[in-house]
Protein backbone atom coordinates (compact mmCIF):
# COMPACT_ATOMS: atom_id res chain seq x y z
CA UNK A 1 73.38 -2.85 11.14
CA UNK A 2 72.80 -4.49 7.87
CA UNK A 3 71.05 -7.40 9.45
CA UNK A 4 69.04 -5.02 11.52
CA UNK A 5 68.22 -3.10 8.43
CA UNK A 6 67.17 -6.27 6.63
CA UNK A 7 65.18 -7.32 9.68
CA UNK A 8 63.45 -4.01 9.62
CA UNK A 9 62.75 -4.47 5.92
CA UNK A 10 61.28 -7.90 6.50
CA UNK A 11 59.17 -6.48 9.30
CA UNK A 12 58.02 -3.69 7.09
CA UNK A 13 57.19 -6.11 4.30
CA UNK A 14 55.39 -8.38 6.76
CA UNK A 15 53.45 -5.40 8.02
CA UNK A 16 52.63 -4.38 4.48
CA UNK A 17 51.53 -7.90 3.65
CA UNK A 18 49.41 -7.99 6.76
CA UNK A 19 47.84 -4.71 5.80
CA UNK A 20 47.15 -5.99 2.31
CA UNK A 21 45.59 -9.13 3.72
CA UNK A 22 43.47 -7.08 6.07
CA UNK A 23 42.41 -4.82 3.20
CA UNK A 24 41.55 -7.82 1.01
CA UNK A 25 39.63 -9.37 3.86
CA UNK A 26 37.74 -6.16 4.47
CA UNK A 27 37.10 -5.78 0.73
CA UNK A 28 35.79 -9.34 0.46
CA UNK A 29 33.65 -8.76 3.54
CA UNK A 30 32.35 -5.52 2.08
CA UNK A 31 31.58 -7.14 -1.26
CA UNK A 32 29.91 -10.04 0.50
CA UNK A 33 27.83 -7.60 2.48
CA UNK A 34 26.85 -5.80 -0.72
CA UNK A 35 25.94 -9.12 -2.34
CA UNK A 36 23.84 -10.17 0.62
CA UNK A 37 22.20 -6.76 0.72
CA UNK A 38 21.45 -6.90 -2.98
CA UNK A 39 20.02 -10.37 -2.60
CA UNK A 40 17.85 -9.27 0.31
CA UNK A 41 16.72 -6.24 -1.65
CA UNK A 42 15.86 -8.42 -4.63
CA UNK A 43 14.03 -10.86 -2.44
CA UNK A 44 12.24 -8.03 -0.71
CA UNK A 45 11.32 -6.63 -4.10
CA UNK A 46 10.02 -10.00 -5.22
CA UNK A 47 8.15 -10.40 -1.97
CA UNK A 48 6.71 -6.92 -2.40
CA UNK A 49 5.55 -7.73 -5.90
CA UNK A 50 3.95 -10.94 -4.76
CA UNK A 51 2.42 -9.06 -1.90
CA UNK A 52 1.11 -6.42 -4.26
CA UNK A 53 -0.33 -9.06 -6.53
CA UNK A 54 -1.74 -10.87 -3.56
CA UNK A 55 -3.16 -7.66 -2.16
CA UNK A 56 -4.68 -6.88 -5.54
CA UNK A 57 -6.27 -10.30 -5.65
CA UNK A 58 -7.41 -10.06 -2.05
CA UNK A 59 -8.34 -6.37 -2.13
CA UNK A 60 -11.82 -5.56 -0.93
CA UNK A 61 -14.22 -4.76 -3.76
CA UNK A 62 -16.69 -2.10 -2.67
CA UNK A 63 -20.15 -2.42 -4.22
CA UNK A 64 -22.62 0.41 -3.72
CA UNK A 65 -26.30 -0.49 -3.41
CA UNK A 66 -29.59 0.96 -2.25
CA UNK A 67 -31.03 -1.60 0.13
CA UNK A 68 -28.04 -3.33 1.72
CA UNK A 69 -30.34 -4.82 4.35
CA UNK A 70 -31.81 -7.22 1.79
CA UNK A 71 -30.72 -10.67 3.08
CA UNK A 72 -29.38 -11.90 -0.26
CA UNK A 73 -26.43 -9.50 -0.03
CA UNK A 74 -25.08 -11.55 2.90
CA UNK A 75 -25.39 -14.68 0.76
CA UNK A 76 -23.65 -12.87 -2.07
CA UNK A 77 -20.66 -11.73 -0.03
CA UNK A 78 -20.31 -15.26 1.37
CA UNK A 79 -20.39 -16.76 -2.13
CA UNK A 80 -17.78 -14.25 -3.32
CA UNK A 81 -15.56 -15.07 -0.34
CA UNK A 82 -15.66 -18.75 -1.31
CA UNK A 83 -14.19 -17.67 -4.65
CA UNK A 84 -11.47 -15.70 -2.90
CA UNK A 85 -13.04 -12.27 -3.44
CA UNK A 86 -13.70 -10.01 -0.47
CA UNK A 87 -16.77 -7.85 -1.03
CA UNK A 88 -17.95 -4.90 1.02
CA UNK A 89 -21.53 -3.81 0.43
CA UNK A 90 -21.83 -0.03 0.80
CA UNK A 91 -25.36 1.19 1.47
CA UNK A 92 -26.79 4.44 0.07
CA UNK A 93 -30.07 5.97 1.14
CA UNK A 94 -30.91 7.69 -2.14
CA UNK A 95 -30.56 6.87 -5.82
CA UNK A 96 -28.68 10.10 -6.46
CA UNK A 97 -25.65 8.94 -4.43
CA UNK A 98 -24.13 5.71 -5.87
CA UNK A 99 -23.19 7.04 -9.32
CA UNK A 100 -21.17 10.03 -8.09
CA UNK A 101 -19.54 7.72 -5.54
CA UNK A 102 -18.52 5.36 -8.35
CA UNK A 103 -17.33 8.20 -10.54
CA UNK A 104 -15.19 9.57 -7.69
CA UNK A 105 -13.67 6.17 -6.92
CA UNK A 106 -15.26 5.84 -3.48
CA UNK A 107 -16.66 2.48 -4.59
CA UNK A 108 -15.64 0.04 -7.33
CA UNK A 109 -19.04 -1.08 -8.62
CA UNK A 110 -22.63 -0.14 -8.03
CA UNK A 111 -25.79 -2.16 -8.43
CA UNK A 112 -29.01 -0.27 -8.00
CA UNK A 113 -30.09 1.22 -11.31
CA UNK A 114 -31.57 0.34 -14.65
CA UNK A 115 -30.19 1.40 -18.02
CA UNK A 116 -32.53 4.36 -18.44
CA UNK A 117 -31.36 5.85 -15.14
CA UNK A 118 -27.71 5.16 -16.02
CA UNK A 119 -28.09 6.75 -19.45
CA UNK A 120 -29.62 9.88 -17.95
CA UNK A 121 -26.75 10.14 -15.46
CA UNK A 122 -24.06 9.69 -18.10
CA UNK A 123 -25.60 12.19 -20.49
CA UNK A 124 -26.28 14.77 -17.78
CA UNK A 125 -22.87 14.48 -16.12
CA UNK A 126 -20.69 13.75 -19.13
CA UNK A 127 -19.50 10.51 -17.52
CA UNK A 128 -19.16 7.06 -19.06
CA UNK A 129 -20.17 4.56 -16.39
CA UNK A 130 -20.63 1.19 -18.05
CA UNK A 131 -22.86 -1.84 -17.39
CA UNK A 132 -21.07 -5.20 -17.07
CA UNK A 133 -23.91 -7.49 -16.05
CA UNK A 134 -27.64 -7.74 -15.41
CA UNK A 135 -29.51 -8.72 -12.26
CA UNK A 136 -33.26 -8.40 -12.75
CA UNK A 137 -36.07 -6.26 -14.03
CA UNK A 138 -38.34 -5.16 -11.20
CA UNK A 139 -41.94 -4.11 -11.74
CA UNK A 140 -42.89 -0.58 -10.80
CA UNK A 141 -46.11 -0.58 -8.83
CA UNK A 142 -48.81 1.78 -7.59
CA UNK A 143 -49.69 1.41 -3.90
CA UNK A 144 -52.22 2.91 -1.53
CA UNK A 145 -53.17 2.73 2.14
CA UNK A 146 -56.53 4.35 1.45
CA UNK A 147 -58.04 2.33 -1.39
CA UNK A 148 -57.83 -1.31 -2.41
CA UNK A 149 -58.89 -1.00 -6.04
CA UNK A 150 -58.06 1.32 -8.91
CA UNK A 151 -61.76 2.04 -9.36
CA UNK A 152 -61.81 3.58 -5.88
CA UNK A 153 -59.51 6.41 -6.93
CA UNK A 154 -61.55 9.54 -7.54
CA UNK A 155 -61.26 12.41 -9.97
CA UNK A 156 -58.72 14.89 -8.64
CA UNK A 157 -57.02 12.47 -6.21
CA UNK A 158 -53.29 13.06 -5.84
CA UNK A 159 -50.79 10.37 -6.79
CA UNK A 160 -47.10 10.69 -5.88
CA UNK A 161 -44.40 9.43 -8.24
CA UNK A 162 -40.55 9.41 -8.17
CA UNK A 163 -39.04 12.66 -9.41
CA UNK A 164 -35.87 11.36 -11.11
CA UNK A 165 -36.31 11.62 -14.85
CA UNK A 166 -36.18 7.93 -15.76
CA UNK A 167 -38.46 6.65 -13.01
CA UNK A 168 -40.80 9.59 -13.40
CA UNK A 169 -41.40 8.69 -17.05
CA UNK A 170 -41.84 5.02 -16.19
CA UNK A 171 -44.29 5.88 -13.41
CA UNK A 172 -46.36 8.00 -15.77
CA UNK A 173 -46.51 5.06 -18.18
CA UNK A 174 -47.82 2.89 -15.32
CA UNK A 175 -50.51 5.47 -14.59
CA UNK A 176 -51.37 5.80 -18.28
CA UNK A 177 -51.79 2.03 -18.65
CA UNK A 178 -54.20 2.15 -15.70
CA UNK A 179 -56.19 4.97 -17.36
CA UNK A 180 -55.36 7.34 -14.54
CA UNK A 181 -53.59 9.91 -16.71
CA UNK A 182 -53.60 10.91 -20.35
CA UNK A 183 -50.22 11.74 -21.87
CA UNK A 184 -49.99 14.26 -24.67
CA UNK A 185 -46.95 12.59 -26.23
CA UNK A 186 -48.49 9.12 -26.06
CA UNK A 187 -45.91 8.06 -23.48
CA UNK A 188 -42.20 7.22 -23.74
CA UNK A 189 -39.13 6.81 -21.54
CA UNK A 190 -38.73 10.58 -21.83
CA UNK A 191 -42.22 11.61 -20.77
CA UNK A 192 -42.35 14.43 -18.21
CA UNK A 193 -45.02 16.05 -16.05
CA UNK A 194 -45.46 18.62 -18.81
CA UNK A 195 -46.81 15.81 -21.01
CA UNK A 196 -49.69 15.08 -18.65
CA UNK A 197 -53.00 16.35 -20.00
CA UNK A 198 -54.42 17.63 -16.72
CA UNK A 199 -57.86 18.31 -18.21
CA UNK A 200 -58.33 14.74 -19.40
CA UNK A 201 -56.50 12.89 -16.59
CA UNK A 202 -58.36 11.36 -13.67
CA UNK A 203 -55.72 12.03 -11.02
CA UNK A 204 -53.32 14.82 -10.18
CA UNK A 205 -49.66 13.86 -10.17
CA UNK A 206 -46.97 15.15 -7.84
CA UNK A 207 -43.29 14.21 -8.05
CA UNK A 208 -41.16 13.48 -4.97
CA UNK A 209 -37.69 12.08 -4.30
CA UNK A 210 -37.96 8.32 -4.84
CA UNK A 211 -37.37 7.38 -1.20
CA UNK A 212 -40.22 9.67 -0.11
CA UNK A 213 -43.09 8.42 -2.26
CA UNK A 214 -43.78 5.59 0.20
CA UNK A 215 -43.70 7.87 3.23
CA UNK A 216 -46.11 10.24 1.46
CA UNK A 217 -48.91 7.65 1.47
CA UNK A 218 -50.72 9.18 4.47
CA UNK A 219 -50.98 12.44 2.52
CA UNK A 220 -51.87 11.17 -0.97
CA UNK A 221 -54.40 8.78 -2.43
CA UNK A 222 -51.70 6.52 -3.90
CA UNK A 223 -48.02 6.46 -4.79
CA UNK A 224 -45.76 4.78 -7.32
CA UNK A 225 -43.03 3.19 -5.20
CA UNK A 226 -39.71 1.82 -6.37
CA UNK A 227 -39.03 -1.80 -5.50
CA UNK A 228 -36.31 -0.96 -2.95
CA UNK A 229 -38.73 0.93 -0.75
CA UNK A 230 -41.87 -1.23 -0.84
CA UNK A 231 -41.19 -3.56 2.09
CA UNK A 232 -39.42 -0.83 4.05
CA UNK A 233 -42.75 0.99 4.04
CA UNK A 234 -44.50 -2.07 5.48
CA UNK A 235 -46.19 -2.83 2.17
CA UNK A 236 -46.49 -6.11 0.27
CA UNK A 237 -45.72 -6.40 -3.42
CA UNK A 238 -48.93 -8.28 -4.03
CA UNK A 239 -50.91 -5.30 -2.74
CA UNK A 240 -49.99 -3.14 -5.74
CA UNK A 241 -53.07 -1.66 -7.38
CA UNK A 242 -51.31 -1.97 -10.73
CA UNK A 243 -47.77 -2.41 -12.06
CA UNK A 244 -45.86 -2.77 -15.31
CA UNK A 245 -44.74 -6.11 -16.73
CA UNK A 246 -40.99 -6.80 -16.28
CA UNK A 247 -41.13 -9.78 -18.63
CA UNK A 248 -42.21 -7.65 -21.59
CA UNK A 249 -39.49 -7.29 -24.26
CA UNK A 250 -39.89 -3.52 -24.18
CA UNK A 251 -38.81 -3.57 -20.53
CA UNK A 252 -35.11 -4.18 -21.38
CA UNK A 253 -34.12 -0.53 -20.77
CA UNK A 254 -35.32 -1.07 -17.20
CA UNK A 255 -33.07 -4.03 -16.45
CA UNK A 256 -30.99 -3.42 -13.33
CA UNK A 257 -27.25 -3.66 -13.84
CA UNK A 258 -23.84 -3.82 -12.25
CA UNK A 259 -22.05 -0.63 -13.38
CA UNK A 260 -18.36 0.26 -13.28
CA UNK A 261 -16.10 3.03 -14.52
CA UNK A 262 -15.40 2.57 -18.24
CA UNK A 263 -11.75 1.67 -17.67
CA UNK A 264 -12.85 -1.28 -15.53
CA UNK A 265 -15.32 -2.81 -17.97
CA UNK A 266 -12.98 -5.72 -18.77
CA UNK A 267 -11.89 -6.36 -15.18
CA UNK A 268 -11.99 -10.15 -14.73
CA UNK A 269 -12.67 -10.00 -11.00
CA UNK A 270 -15.67 -7.75 -11.56
CA UNK A 271 -16.95 -10.06 -14.30
CA UNK A 272 -16.60 -12.95 -11.86
CA UNK A 273 -18.68 -11.05 -9.32
CA UNK A 274 -21.46 -10.70 -11.89
CA UNK A 275 -21.34 -14.43 -12.55
CA UNK A 276 -21.47 -15.19 -8.82
CA UNK A 277 -24.60 -13.04 -8.47
CA UNK A 278 -26.34 -14.68 -11.42
CA UNK A 279 -25.35 -18.28 -10.62
CA UNK A 280 -25.69 -18.46 -6.84
CA UNK A 281 -29.10 -19.93 -6.06
CA UNK A 282 -29.26 -18.42 -2.57
CA UNK A 283 -28.79 -15.01 -4.16
CA UNK A 284 -31.29 -15.36 -7.00
CA UNK A 285 -33.82 -16.95 -4.65
CA UNK A 286 -33.27 -14.00 -2.33
CA UNK A 287 -33.86 -11.51 -5.13
CA UNK A 288 -37.16 -13.19 -5.93
CA UNK A 289 -38.12 -13.34 -2.27
CA UNK A 290 -37.55 -9.66 -1.54
CA UNK A 291 -39.50 -8.76 -4.67
CA UNK A 292 -42.41 -10.93 -3.64
CA UNK A 293 -41.72 -13.15 -6.63
CA UNK A 294 -42.35 -10.24 -8.97
CA UNK A 295 -38.81 -9.72 -10.34
CA UNK A 296 -37.78 -11.13 -13.69
CA UNK A 297 -34.20 -12.42 -13.34
CA UNK A 298 -31.90 -11.37 -16.17
CA UNK A 299 -28.55 -12.59 -17.51
CA UNK A 300 -28.21 -10.18 -20.43
CA UNK A 301 -24.60 -10.09 -21.62
CA UNK A 302 -22.33 -7.12 -20.99
CA UNK A 303 -22.05 -6.50 -24.73
CA UNK A 304 -25.83 -6.38 -25.18
CA UNK A 305 -26.23 -4.14 -22.15
CA UNK A 306 -23.60 -1.74 -23.44
CA UNK A 307 -25.25 -1.68 -26.85
CA UNK A 308 -28.66 -1.00 -25.30
CA UNK A 309 -27.17 1.74 -23.12
CA UNK A 310 -25.60 3.43 -26.14
CA UNK A 311 -29.02 3.53 -27.83
CA UNK A 312 -30.75 4.96 -24.78
CA UNK A 313 -27.96 7.51 -24.28
CA UNK A 314 -28.29 8.66 -27.88
CA UNK A 315 -32.05 9.08 -27.48
CA UNK A 316 -31.57 10.78 -24.12
CA UNK A 317 -29.04 13.25 -25.51
CA UNK A 318 -31.47 14.13 -28.29
CA UNK A 319 -34.03 15.07 -25.65
CA UNK A 320 -31.70 17.38 -23.73
């Protein structure tokens, strides 16, 4: 009985030892599993971070424009792709659309407007869209399908001009320089239709949405047409009856710019996109081609553009 008892004790101890061994084995297995899981999680986290960084670097940058059909935009997106930046050009039909789209985050950058237009938008909306690079200054011209010379315009003829505040004022300055209207205030970037001296002016002025001045030509004697809509209307830049001079120093407020939300003004990728536009010959040649050689290319620095915008905004606010 004693031996049996001892045998039973040995068996019990052996069983206990076996259980301990099993428990240790299971514990080691469990810990190993935890270690592997942690490692995989860490690796996944690192991979996710790299992926996020990679996605950020490879993310599509949406640029809003008016006139996406201009061939140089294809050259531009190709040049950006060579630098590892994917660009999507988003087309807008009217000038009133790209700034709200940028403000709302629907696009990342827009490129369609000059500083005077941007200042008017910021002041009117309370926003702070910011220029980060220049493209060109485009002349604003007067066109007609009924006359071929300014002298052929008669007293009382109707001339259509863009109705947005900045381009309206600029259009009136074009008409004043051609002696077609007399402006009571002498003319400025804030001139309005109320400043036209109708008794002394040769022509009558009517204001339309910018995209419609070209299509109004059958119904008016002449129209001031923004650069984006000239060729779309089947017109040639060289057929302008008169236009302003984009190379004049006073034309700086009318330089077209890349604009972003204020928090993105130091974004290096966006700055690179400005540089690609300004330094890619196929792009700058394309800009000149679609403007009939009339555009004055510009490389004004972001700092100078922002300083100029601040001045125009201050003057604009004073007029409100």
